[in-house]
Protein backbone atom coordinates (compact mmCIF):
# COMPACT_ATOMS: atom_id res chain seq x y z
CA MET A 1 -6.22 -19.48 -0.11
CA ILE A 2 -9.28 -18.22 1.66
CA PRO A 3 -12.50 -17.11 -0.10
CA SER A 4 -12.49 -13.25 -0.11
CA ALA A 5 -14.41 -10.26 -1.28
CA SER A 6 -11.68 -9.46 -3.95
CA ASN A 7 -12.72 -12.71 -5.71
CA SER A 8 -16.39 -12.51 -5.12
CA ILE A 9 -19.17 -12.91 -7.72
CA ILE A 10 -23.01 -12.50 -7.84
CA VAL A 11 -24.90 -15.14 -9.62
CA ARG A 12 -28.47 -14.52 -10.73
CA LEU A 13 -30.61 -17.75 -10.65
CA GLU A 14 -34.01 -18.52 -11.84
CA LEU A 15 -35.05 -21.35 -9.39
CA SER A 16 -37.97 -23.69 -9.73
CA ASN A 17 -40.39 -22.74 -6.93
CA GLN A 18 -40.00 -26.25 -5.21
CA ALA A 19 -38.69 -27.28 -1.79
CA GLY A 20 -35.01 -28.33 -1.85
CA VAL A 21 -33.80 -26.49 -4.93
CA LEU A 22 -32.07 -23.66 -3.08
CA SER A 23 -30.44 -26.15 -0.67
CA LYS A 24 -28.89 -28.07 -3.52
CA VAL A 25 -27.38 -24.78 -4.65
CA THR A 26 -25.96 -23.87 -1.28
CA ALA A 27 -24.73 -27.27 -0.71
CA MET A 28 -22.79 -27.35 -4.05
CA ILE A 29 -21.14 -23.99 -3.36
CA GLY A 30 -20.06 -25.20 0.02
CA GLU A 31 -18.60 -28.46 -1.32
CA LEU A 32 -16.49 -26.42 -3.72
CA GLY A 33 -14.96 -24.45 -0.74
CA ALA A 34 -16.60 -21.11 -1.42
CA SER A 35 -18.68 -18.89 1.01
CA ILE A 36 -22.02 -17.61 0.67
CA GLY A 37 -22.77 -13.91 1.51
CA ALA A 38 -26.20 -12.27 0.76
CA ILE A 39 -29.18 -14.24 -0.80
CA ASP A 40 -31.51 -11.75 -2.28
CA ILE A 41 -35.00 -12.35 -3.75
CA ILE A 42 -35.28 -10.39 -7.04
CA ASN A 43 -38.67 -11.63 -8.41
CA VAL A 44 -41.24 -14.25 -7.51
CA GLU A 45 -43.54 -15.84 -10.00
CA LYS A 46 -45.98 -18.69 -9.52
CA ASP A 47 -43.47 -21.38 -10.63
CA THR A 48 -40.03 -19.64 -10.30
CA VAL A 49 -38.06 -17.53 -7.90
CA VAL A 50 -35.19 -15.19 -9.11
CA ARG A 51 -32.49 -14.84 -6.65
CA ASP A 52 -29.14 -13.06 -6.63
CA ILE A 53 -26.41 -15.07 -4.46
CA THR A 54 -23.20 -13.37 -3.45
CA ILE A 55 -20.44 -15.94 -3.37
CA PHE A 56 -16.83 -15.38 -1.95
CA THR A 57 -14.45 -17.46 -3.89
CA THR A 58 -10.62 -18.06 -3.86
CA ASP A 59 -9.97 -17.37 -7.42
CA GLN A 60 -11.31 -17.33 -10.99
CA GLU A 61 -10.93 -21.07 -11.43
CA GLN A 62 -13.24 -21.76 -8.48
CA ALA A 63 -15.67 -19.37 -9.77
CA HIS A 64 -15.72 -21.18 -12.98
CA GLN A 65 -16.36 -24.52 -11.13
CA ILE A 66 -19.31 -23.00 -9.44
CA GLU A 67 -20.73 -21.63 -12.64
CA LYS A 68 -20.47 -25.05 -14.18
CA GLY A 69 -21.89 -26.79 -11.05
CA LEU A 70 -24.96 -24.55 -11.08
CA GLN A 71 -25.64 -25.45 -14.70
CA ARG A 72 -25.85 -29.14 -13.74
CA ILE A 73 -28.49 -28.74 -11.05
CA GLY A 74 -32.00 -29.59 -12.02
CA GLY A 75 -34.60 -26.75 -11.62
CA VAL A 76 -31.87 -24.11 -11.77
CA LYS A 77 -31.36 -21.69 -14.72
CA LEU A 78 -28.22 -19.49 -14.55
CA VAL A 79 -29.16 -16.21 -15.81
CA HIS A 80 -25.75 -14.43 -15.58
CA VAL A 81 -22.74 -14.06 -13.35
CA SER A 82 -21.16 -10.80 -12.39
CA ASP A 83 -17.74 -10.25 -10.94
CA ARG A 84 -18.12 -7.83 -8.09
CA THR A 85 -14.68 -6.41 -8.36
CA PHE A 86 -15.07 -5.67 -12.03
CA LEU A 87 -18.41 -4.02 -11.39
CA ILE A 88 -16.94 -1.26 -9.14
CA HIS A 89 -14.40 -0.51 -11.80
CA ILE A 90 -16.72 0.07 -14.61
CA GLY A 91 -16.25 3.70 -15.94
CA GLY A 92 -13.47 4.19 -13.46
CA LYS A 93 -13.72 4.54 -9.63
CA ILE A 94 -13.35 8.33 -9.06
CA SER A 95 -14.60 11.55 -10.58
CA ILE A 96 -14.16 15.36 -10.35
CA LYS A 97 -16.94 17.37 -8.55
CA SER A 98 -17.18 21.03 -8.49
CA LYS A 99 -17.15 22.73 -5.12
CA THR A 100 -19.29 25.73 -6.17
CA ALA A 101 -22.42 25.52 -8.31
CA ILE A 102 -22.73 27.62 -11.44
CA LYS A 103 -26.41 28.46 -11.73
CA ASN A 104 -26.47 31.87 -13.22
CA ARG A 105 -24.43 34.54 -14.90
CA ASP A 106 -23.03 36.02 -11.76
CA ASP A 107 -21.69 32.57 -10.81
CA LEU A 108 -20.21 32.06 -14.26
CA SER A 109 -18.47 35.58 -14.11
CA MET A 110 -16.79 34.84 -10.79
CA ALA A 111 -15.81 31.12 -11.42
CA TYR A 112 -14.59 31.94 -15.00
CA THR A 113 -14.33 34.90 -17.11
CA PRO A 114 -14.05 37.91 -16.32
CA GLY A 115 -13.61 37.56 -12.65
CA VAL A 116 -11.08 34.74 -12.80
CA ALA A 117 -8.48 37.13 -14.45
CA ARG A 118 -8.03 39.09 -11.10
CA VAL A 119 -7.43 35.90 -9.24
CA CYS A 120 -4.79 34.80 -11.89
CA MET A 121 -2.99 38.15 -11.63
CA ALA A 122 -2.99 37.75 -7.77
CA ILE A 123 -1.04 34.57 -8.26
CA HIS A 124 1.21 36.00 -10.96
CA GLU A 125 2.15 38.93 -8.59
CA GLU A 126 2.72 36.56 -5.53
CA PRO A 127 3.07 32.88 -6.65
CA GLU A 128 2.62 31.52 -3.09
CA ASN A 129 -1.03 32.53 -3.47
CA ALA A 130 -1.54 29.26 -5.55
CA TYR A 131 -1.69 27.55 -2.30
CA ASN A 132 -4.76 29.63 -1.17
CA LEU A 133 -6.34 30.25 -4.52
CA THR A 134 -6.18 26.91 -6.33
CA ILE A 135 -6.50 23.23 -5.79
CA LYS A 136 -2.63 23.00 -5.24
CA ARG A 137 -3.05 23.30 -1.39
CA ASN A 138 -4.89 19.88 -1.34
CA SER A 139 -3.79 18.03 -4.36
CA VAL A 140 -1.37 15.27 -4.96
CA ALA A 141 -0.32 13.67 -8.35
CA VAL A 142 -0.09 9.88 -8.26
CA VAL A 143 2.38 9.13 -10.91
CA SER A 144 3.35 5.80 -12.40
CA ASP A 145 4.77 4.23 -15.48
CA GLY A 146 3.35 0.85 -14.91
CA THR A 147 6.42 -1.00 -14.68
CA ALA A 148 6.17 -2.58 -11.21
CA VAL A 149 2.36 -2.80 -10.51
CA LEU A 150 1.61 -4.61 -7.23
CA GLY A 151 2.79 -8.15 -7.81
CA LEU A 152 2.00 -7.89 -11.59
CA GLY A 153 5.23 -6.35 -12.80
CA ASP A 154 5.56 -4.36 -16.00
CA ILE A 155 1.99 -4.28 -17.33
CA GLY A 156 2.08 -0.70 -18.81
CA PRO A 157 0.41 2.66 -18.08
CA LYS A 158 -3.12 1.76 -19.20
CA ALA A 159 -3.15 -1.43 -17.23
CA ALA A 160 -1.79 0.51 -14.13
CA MET A 161 -4.71 2.93 -14.13
CA PRO A 162 -7.08 0.89 -11.76
CA VAL A 163 -4.30 0.79 -9.23
CA MET A 164 -3.70 4.55 -9.45
CA GLU A 165 -7.46 5.24 -9.23
CA GLY A 166 -7.71 3.03 -6.20
CA LYS A 167 -4.79 5.14 -4.62
CA ALA A 168 -6.62 8.31 -5.32
CA MET A 169 -9.75 6.85 -3.62
CA LEU A 170 -7.70 6.06 -0.50
CA PHE A 171 -6.11 9.46 -0.42
CA LYS A 172 -9.66 11.02 -0.43
CA ASP A 173 -11.48 8.64 1.83
CA PHE A 174 -8.91 8.34 4.54
CA ALA A 175 -7.32 11.84 4.51
CA ASP A 176 -9.54 14.17 2.33
CA VAL A 177 -6.59 14.72 -0.09
CA ASP A 178 -7.62 15.31 -3.79
CA ALA A 179 -5.32 12.79 -5.54
CA TYR A 180 -5.07 12.42 -9.61
CA PRO A 181 -4.01 9.27 -11.17
CA ILE A 182 -1.38 10.10 -13.93
CA CYS A 183 0.00 7.16 -15.84
CA LEU A 184 2.99 7.95 -18.28
CA ASP A 185 3.66 6.23 -21.46
CA THR A 186 7.38 6.24 -21.20
CA LYS A 187 10.15 4.19 -19.27
CA ASP A 188 12.69 6.88 -19.86
CA THR A 189 13.94 8.25 -16.64
CA GLU A 190 14.70 11.56 -17.96
CA GLU A 191 11.28 11.93 -19.61
CA ILE A 192 9.51 10.94 -16.43
CA ILE A 193 11.54 13.41 -14.39
CA LYS A 194 10.82 16.32 -17.03
CA THR A 195 6.97 15.41 -17.24
CA VAL A 196 6.53 15.45 -13.46
CA LYS A 197 8.51 18.78 -13.20
CA TYR A 198 6.21 20.28 -16.07
CA MET A 199 3.14 19.48 -14.14
CA ALA A 200 4.33 20.17 -10.62
CA PRO A 201 2.92 23.79 -10.38
CA GLY A 202 -0.56 22.34 -10.15
CA PHE A 203 0.28 20.02 -7.25
CA GLY A 204 1.02 20.20 -3.55
CA GLY A 205 2.93 16.92 -3.53
CA ILE A 206 3.86 14.05 -5.91
CA ASN A 207 3.20 10.36 -4.97
CA LEU A 208 5.47 8.12 -7.20
CA GLU A 209 3.99 4.67 -7.47
CA ASP A 210 4.81 1.42 -8.99
CA ILE A 211 8.06 2.40 -10.73
CA SER A 212 10.61 -0.37 -11.16
CA ALA A 213 14.00 -0.37 -9.44
CA PRO A 214 16.63 0.90 -9.86
CA ARG A 215 14.98 3.78 -11.92
CA CYS A 216 12.66 4.65 -9.09
CA PHE A 217 15.72 5.67 -6.92
CA GLU A 218 17.08 8.17 -9.45
CA ILE A 219 13.64 9.49 -10.36
CA GLU A 220 12.62 10.13 -6.73
CA ALA A 221 16.22 11.59 -5.76
CA ARG A 222 16.19 14.01 -8.78
CA LEU A 223 12.58 15.21 -8.20
CA LYS A 224 13.14 15.84 -4.51
CA LYS A 225 16.29 17.86 -5.40
CA GLU A 226 14.76 19.80 -8.12
CA LEU A 227 11.13 20.41 -6.91
CA ASP A 228 10.07 22.52 -3.96
CA ILE A 229 7.13 20.28 -3.10
CA PRO A 230 7.17 16.80 -1.32
CA VAL A 231 8.13 13.85 -3.53
CA PHE A 232 7.38 10.51 -1.98
CA HIS A 233 7.80 6.98 -3.52
CA ASP A 234 5.35 4.96 -1.57
CA ASP A 235 6.57 1.53 -2.59
CA GLN A 236 9.68 2.47 -0.79
CA HIS A 237 8.91 4.68 2.16
CA GLY A 238 5.38 3.75 2.86
CA THR A 239 6.25 0.22 3.33
CA ALA A 240 9.26 1.22 5.47
CA ILE A 241 7.32 3.47 7.80
CA VAL A 242 4.57 0.82 8.51
CA LEU A 243 7.14 -1.87 9.00
CA THR A 244 9.05 0.35 11.41
CA ALA A 245 5.85 1.04 13.40
CA ALA A 246 5.19 -2.61 13.70
CA PHE A 247 9.02 -3.19 14.55
CA ILE A 248 8.66 -0.57 17.45
CA ASN A 249 5.71 -2.22 19.00
CA ALA A 250 7.29 -5.68 18.58
CA LEU A 251 10.43 -4.53 20.41
CA LYS A 252 8.22 -3.30 23.27
CA LEU A 253 6.45 -6.66 23.49
CA THR A 254 9.64 -8.66 23.48
CA ASN A 255 11.78 -6.33 25.61
CA ARG A 256 14.48 -6.15 22.91
CA LYS A 257 16.71 -3.16 22.01
CA ALA A 258 17.25 -2.01 18.36
CA SER A 259 20.95 -1.74 18.87
CA ASP A 260 21.31 -5.37 20.06
CA LEU A 261 19.45 -6.92 17.02
CA LYS A 262 20.57 -8.87 14.03
CA VAL A 263 18.18 -8.18 11.27
CA ILE A 264 17.87 -9.91 7.79
CA ILE A 265 16.27 -8.13 4.89
CA SER A 266 15.40 -10.46 2.25
CA GLY A 267 14.85 -8.58 -0.97
CA VAL A 268 16.98 -5.44 -1.63
CA GLY A 269 14.75 -3.67 -4.01
CA ALA A 270 13.08 -0.31 -3.56
CA ALA A 271 11.19 -1.37 -0.33
CA GLY A 272 14.25 -3.24 1.05
CA VAL A 273 16.49 -0.23 0.79
CA ALA A 274 14.12 2.05 2.26
CA CYS A 275 13.27 -0.38 5.13
CA THR A 276 16.99 -0.60 5.92
CA LYS A 277 17.60 2.97 6.06
CA ILE A 278 14.79 3.67 8.34
CA LEU A 279 15.62 0.84 10.72
CA GLN A 280 19.12 2.31 10.83
CA HIS A 281 17.63 5.62 11.88
CA LEU A 282 15.74 3.76 14.53
CA GLY A 283 19.00 2.43 15.92
CA VAL A 284 19.51 -0.95 14.29
CA LYS A 285 23.24 -1.55 13.72
CA ASN A 286 23.45 -5.09 12.26
CA ILE A 287 21.34 -5.35 9.24
CA ILE A 288 22.13 -7.97 6.34
CA GLY A 289 20.42 -7.63 3.10
CA CYS A 290 20.06 -10.60 0.92
CA ASP A 291 19.16 -10.87 -2.79
CA ARG A 292 18.95 -13.94 -5.03
CA LYS A 293 22.74 -14.76 -4.92
CA GLY A 294 22.91 -14.39 -1.16
CA ALA A 295 24.10 -11.78 1.46
CA ILE A 296 25.02 -8.22 0.34
CA ASP A 297 28.71 -7.53 1.21
CA ILE A 298 31.37 -5.32 -0.12
CA SER A 299 33.48 -8.28 -1.09
CA ARG A 300 31.04 -9.24 -3.81
CA THR A 301 31.97 -7.99 -7.30
CA ASP A 302 28.51 -8.43 -9.08
CA LEU A 303 26.79 -5.65 -7.36
CA ASN A 304 25.08 -2.85 -9.14
CA LEU A 305 25.41 0.79 -7.99
CA ILE A 306 22.55 0.79 -5.57
CA LYS A 307 23.67 -2.52 -3.85
CA THR A 308 27.22 -1.35 -3.78
CA GLU A 309 26.03 1.80 -1.79
CA TYR A 310 23.86 -0.46 0.22
CA ALA A 311 26.86 -2.78 1.30
CA LYS A 312 28.84 0.27 2.50
CA THR A 313 26.41 0.80 5.43
CA THR A 314 25.29 -2.78 6.17
CA ASN A 315 26.61 -6.19 7.14
CA PRO A 316 29.22 -4.88 9.58
CA ASN A 317 30.62 -8.39 10.30
CA HIS A 318 30.97 -9.18 6.55
CA GLU A 319 28.96 -12.42 6.59
CA THR A 320 28.78 -14.08 3.37
CA GLY A 321 26.78 -17.11 1.75
CA THR A 322 23.02 -17.80 1.09
CA LEU A 323 20.02 -16.50 3.24
CA ASN A 324 20.16 -19.88 4.97
CA ASN A 325 23.75 -19.20 6.09
CA VAL A 326 23.49 -15.57 7.35
CA ILE A 327 20.15 -15.89 9.08
CA LYS A 328 21.55 -18.26 11.81
CA GLY A 329 21.15 -16.39 15.01
CA ALA A 330 19.03 -13.56 13.53
CA ASP A 331 16.43 -11.83 15.76
CA VAL A 332 14.25 -10.52 12.94
CA PHE A 333 13.55 -11.58 9.50
CA VAL A 334 11.95 -8.90 7.05
CA GLY A 335 10.61 -10.46 3.84
CA LEU A 336 10.19 -8.39 0.66
CA SER A 337 10.88 -11.04 -1.59
CA ALA A 338 9.18 -14.25 -2.93
CA PRO A 339 6.75 -16.84 -1.63
CA GLY A 340 7.98 -19.63 0.50
CA LEU A 341 11.56 -18.27 0.52
CA LEU A 342 11.98 -18.80 4.32
CA SER A 343 12.24 -22.53 5.04
CA LEU A 344 11.24 -23.94 8.49
CA ASP A 345 14.87 -25.09 8.99
CA ALA A 346 16.13 -21.52 8.45
CA LEU A 347 13.58 -20.23 10.74
CA LYS A 348 14.58 -22.68 13.46
CA SER A 349 18.26 -21.54 13.08
CA MET A 350 17.29 -18.03 14.23
CA SER A 351 17.50 -16.92 17.88
CA GLU A 352 14.83 -18.03 20.13
CA LYS A 353 11.43 -16.78 19.38
CA PRO A 354 12.36 -14.36 16.56
CA ILE A 355 10.16 -11.63 14.95
CA ILE A 356 9.06 -12.41 11.49
CA PHE A 357 7.74 -9.91 8.88
CA ALA A 358 6.97 -11.99 5.91
CA MET A 359 5.43 -9.45 3.44
CA ALA A 360 5.45 -11.17 -0.03
CA ASN A 361 2.02 -10.95 -1.48
CA PRO A 362 -0.25 -12.77 -1.79
CA THR A 363 1.83 -15.56 -0.44
CA PRO A 364 4.27 -14.70 2.23
CA GLU A 365 7.90 -16.13 2.60
CA ILE A 366 6.62 -18.40 5.31
CA MET A 367 2.90 -19.02 6.18
CA PRO A 368 1.90 -17.89 9.67
CA GLU A 369 0.51 -21.37 10.52
CA VAL A 370 3.91 -22.95 9.88
CA ALA A 371 5.89 -20.27 11.71
CA ALA A 372 3.64 -19.95 14.66
CA PRO A 373 5.05 -22.50 17.13
CA TYR A 374 8.52 -20.92 16.70
CA VAL A 375 8.13 -17.13 16.62
CA SER A 376 7.26 -14.43 19.15
CA ILE A 377 5.53 -12.25 16.53
CA MET A 378 4.40 -12.81 13.03
CA ALA A 379 3.21 -10.15 10.52
CA THR A 380 2.45 -10.37 6.73
CA GLY A 381 1.07 -8.14 4.07
CA ARG A 382 -2.30 -9.91 4.02
CA SER A 383 -5.60 -8.74 5.51
CA ASP A 384 -6.77 -12.07 6.33
CA TYR A 385 -4.05 -12.51 9.14
CA PRO A 386 -3.35 -10.37 12.17
CA ASN A 387 -0.60 -7.66 11.93
CA GLN A 388 -1.19 -6.60 8.31
CA ILE A 389 1.68 -4.30 7.09
CA ASN A 390 -0.34 -2.00 4.92
CA ASN A 391 0.84 1.22 3.27
CA VAL A 392 -2.57 2.83 3.72
CA LEU A 393 -1.58 3.37 7.32
CA ALA A 394 1.12 5.88 6.37
CA PHE A 395 0.63 7.68 3.01
CA PRO A 396 -2.73 9.51 3.69
CA GLY A 397 -1.64 10.88 7.00
CA ILE A 398 1.88 11.77 5.78
CA PHE A 399 0.56 13.81 2.85
CA ARG A 400 -2.27 15.36 4.96
CA GLY A 401 0.40 16.70 7.26
CA ALA A 402 2.77 17.75 4.61
CA LEU A 403 0.02 19.66 2.72
CA ASP A 404 -1.31 21.32 5.82
CA VAL A 405 2.02 22.94 6.56
CA GLN A 406 2.81 23.50 2.80
CA ALA A 407 6.19 21.48 3.28
CA SER A 408 8.89 21.42 0.69
CA ASP A 409 9.93 17.84 1.38
CA ILE A 410 9.14 14.62 3.31
CA ASN A 411 12.41 13.95 5.12
CA GLU A 412 13.64 11.08 7.18
CA GLU A 413 12.67 12.74 10.41
CA MET A 414 9.07 13.16 9.14
CA LYS A 415 8.97 9.50 8.09
CA LEU A 416 10.27 8.23 11.62
CA ALA A 417 7.77 10.55 13.23
CA ALA A 418 5.04 8.89 11.21
CA ALA A 419 6.21 5.56 12.23
CA HIS A 420 6.14 6.36 15.88
CA ALA A 421 2.68 7.78 15.47
CA ILE A 422 1.31 4.75 14.03
CA ALA A 423 2.99 2.46 16.71
CA ASN A 424 1.66 4.78 19.39
CA VAL A 425 -2.01 4.54 18.35
CA ILE A 426 -2.03 1.24 20.13
CA ASP A 427 -1.89 1.63 23.81
CA GLU A 428 0.81 -0.39 25.48
CA ASN A 429 -1.67 -1.96 27.72
CA THR A 430 -3.57 -3.46 24.67
CA LEU A 431 -0.38 -4.57 22.72
CA SER A 432 -0.27 -8.28 22.07
CA PRO A 433 1.54 -10.52 19.54
CA ASP A 434 -1.55 -10.38 17.27
CA TYR A 435 -1.95 -6.80 17.72
CA ILE A 436 1.12 -4.72 17.02
CA ILE A 437 -0.22 -2.58 14.17
CA PRO A 438 -3.53 -0.80 14.14
CA SER A 439 -6.31 -1.43 11.64
CA VAL A 440 -6.29 0.42 8.26
CA PHE A 441 -9.88 1.49 9.33
CA ASP A 442 -8.80 2.89 12.68
CA ALA A 443 -9.93 6.64 12.40
CA THR A 444 -7.39 7.80 14.83
CA VAL A 445 -4.35 6.82 12.53
CA VAL A 446 -4.41 9.57 9.99
CA PRO A 447 -4.84 12.50 12.37
CA ALA A 448 -2.09 11.14 14.64
CA VAL A 449 0.34 10.68 11.61
CA ALA A 450 -0.62 14.10 10.23
CA GLU A 451 0.11 15.96 13.63
CA ALA A 452 3.48 14.03 14.05
CA VAL A 453 4.53 14.81 10.37
CA LYS A 454 3.69 18.54 10.79
CA GLU A 455 5.69 18.90 13.99
CA ALA A 456 8.70 17.12 12.47
CA ALA A 457 8.40 19.41 9.32
CA HIS A 458 8.58 22.44 11.50
CA LYS A 459 11.48 21.05 13.49
CA THR A 460 13.46 20.33 10.33
CA GLY A 461 12.63 23.65 8.60
CA VAL A 462 10.77 22.32 5.63
CA ALA A 463 7.29 23.65 6.62
CA ARG A 464 6.22 27.07 4.87
CA LYS A 465 3.13 27.44 7.09
CA ALA A 466 2.62 27.49 10.71
CA ILE A 467 0.68 24.74 12.64
CA LYS A 468 -2.64 26.25 13.82
């Protein structure tokens, strides 16, 4: 593990104003494998100096070791330790702000009663006016039941809130979409569907998040069918879109054709199913999905409904056995499963210089350092390695485009258009094995994705509003 901001702390120290005290502190921190960021002077007295030191650690255990080490150094008083990640979550990370100030009676009478009544009646007489006269035109509900949070699993709706707040921040900061975190205290599929339908009139789109499989499939499918606004399960489709963008550029670099490839998908959950479908739309014909028991094939009798349907459109040569069996000769490995699952021997059995997308987080199916000598292209879900497959490249621009044309759906054509748009952000002259996917902070990504999504929405007839 590499020290990172996500595990960083700030220690406030009162140091004796003597030569060598600070150097003892920095040396101890370095010996424990942490990294020092800023060192700020807070107060200076005759005999002491108070400093704040920002320290990047690998985990909480290393932070505790540093705390104990500081307490053992002579001339150092540990005043307090602050976890930087917890600090930014205090009181939540988002708030609602009025667009119009209410400073006098005139303002009040227009924003609220009695003037608001005329606006209400305008919407009552023509419901489509809600897009122009309310927040609906730019709002998305981020809905979760907390059953499949990040890599944490079923931690419940309250514990899921920080993730949903973070999602809302990304929507606003990257695409100026107003998103609202909504965590539901039920795991009942029907209750979730009913609740989302009840609140849908106030939103222009629904982003389903961190709902466990297989319930997530039915919830999304039913809501897409029963609502007239876009419903998008990001864990499925966001991952699939960004993976496909990286896939497109990887094929350009390696001069491979989608139709010629043998692709292994390790992990046939929500993301695995979605990745398979979009790669099939891209033209890949030979995809083999693997779960804990091995290759998914119609000959297996232990498959649930989702995997049975999956088997009908994949594994055309009916290969069976473990991952290690079916990966032989494969051109691409897509990992959506577990740390360390892809062994070096299995990697070596693939075709020459394969493409590896090892996206288990925080530890991928195979570490880039191990795979490097044997692969043509390597991507992970981590930000500390090249080629990060990150959903934030997709969902802000997708919803920006869908909202701008008041789309009724986000369909397969819109998803594939988004993938091509992300891929095309990188000029072919600058493509390299370590640069097949743009940075999440590339300001050109969201506009490019939004425009592609709007055009696809119009071509497929799901746009209510013309492109300006």
